[in-house]
Amino acid sequence: MLYYSLVFLIVALVAAALGFGGIAGVSVGIAKILFFVFLVLFVLSLVFGGIRRT
C-alpha cells in the first residue's frame, strides 16, 4: 500500500510539472488517503501483533 502511495505521489509530481493541475490534485488526494490507511494498518498490526506474542 505504501508502494501505491508513492506511485500516486510521483504521478502527481509529473502531472504538476507538465501543467495538468486537475490530475495532480486528484493524485495527491489519493496518495494522502493511501498513506494514512497504510499508517493506520501499520499501527494496528504493531499493537495487535504485540498482544498476540505475549
Protein backbone atom coordinates (compact mmCIF):
# COMPACT_ATOMS: atom_id res chain seq x y z
CA MET A 1 0.00 0.00 0.00
CA LEU A 2 2.89 2.31 0.69
CA TYR A 3 4.17 1.49 -2.79
CA TYR A 4 0.92 2.69 -4.38
CA SER A 5 1.00 5.85 -2.30
CA LEU A 6 4.48 6.63 -3.64
CA VAL A 7 3.37 5.84 -7.21
CA PHE A 8 0.47 8.28 -6.98
CA LEU A 9 2.79 10.90 -5.49
CA ILE A 10 5.19 10.53 -8.42
CA VAL A 11 2.29 10.71 -10.88
CA ALA A 12 1.15 13.90 -9.17
CA LEU A 13 4.61 15.45 -9.41
CA VAL A 14 4.94 14.60 -13.09
CA ALA A 15 1.43 15.87 -13.84
CA ALA A 16 2.10 19.11 -11.97
CA ALA A 17 5.37 19.61 -13.84
CA LEU A 18 3.55 19.18 -17.16
CA GLY A 19 0.77 21.56 -16.16
CA PHE A 20 -2.07 19.13 -15.53
CA GLY A 21 -3.36 20.63 -12.30
CA GLY A 22 -6.54 18.58 -12.03
CA ILE A 23 -4.81 15.25 -12.40
CA ALA A 24 -2.09 16.34 -9.98
CA GLY A 25 -4.65 17.33 -7.35
CA VAL A 26 -6.53 14.05 -7.62
CA SER A 27 -3.30 12.04 -7.47
CA VAL A 28 -2.14 13.88 -4.36
CA GLY A 29 -5.50 13.23 -2.72
CA ILE A 30 -5.32 9.52 -3.48
CA ALA A 31 -1.71 9.38 -2.26
CA LYS A 32 -2.69 11.01 1.04
CA ILE A 33 -5.58 8.62 1.59
CA LEU A 34 -3.45 5.56 0.84
CA PHE A 35 -0.66 6.80 3.10
CA PHE A 36 -2.98 7.33 6.06
CA VAL A 37 -4.62 3.93 5.51
CA PHE A 38 -1.13 2.43 5.50
CA LEU A 39 -0.27 4.19 8.77
CA VAL A 40 -3.45 3.00 10.48
CA LEU A 41 -2.92 -0.59 9.36
CA PHE A 42 0.73 -0.46 10.39
CA VAL A 43 -0.07 0.81 13.89
CA LEU A 44 -2.85 -1.77 14.28
CA SER A 45 -0.52 -4.57 13.24
CA LEU A 46 2.06 -3.38 15.76
CA VAL A 47 -0.48 -3.21 18.58
CA PHE A 48 -2.26 -6.49 17.88
CA GLY A 49 0.93 -8.29 16.88
CA GLY A 50 2.49 -7.35 20.22
CA ILE A 51 -0.56 -8.52 22.15
CA ARG A 52 -0.59 -11.86 20.37
CA ARG A 53 3.06 -12.59 21.19
CA THR A 54 2.74 -12.03 24.94
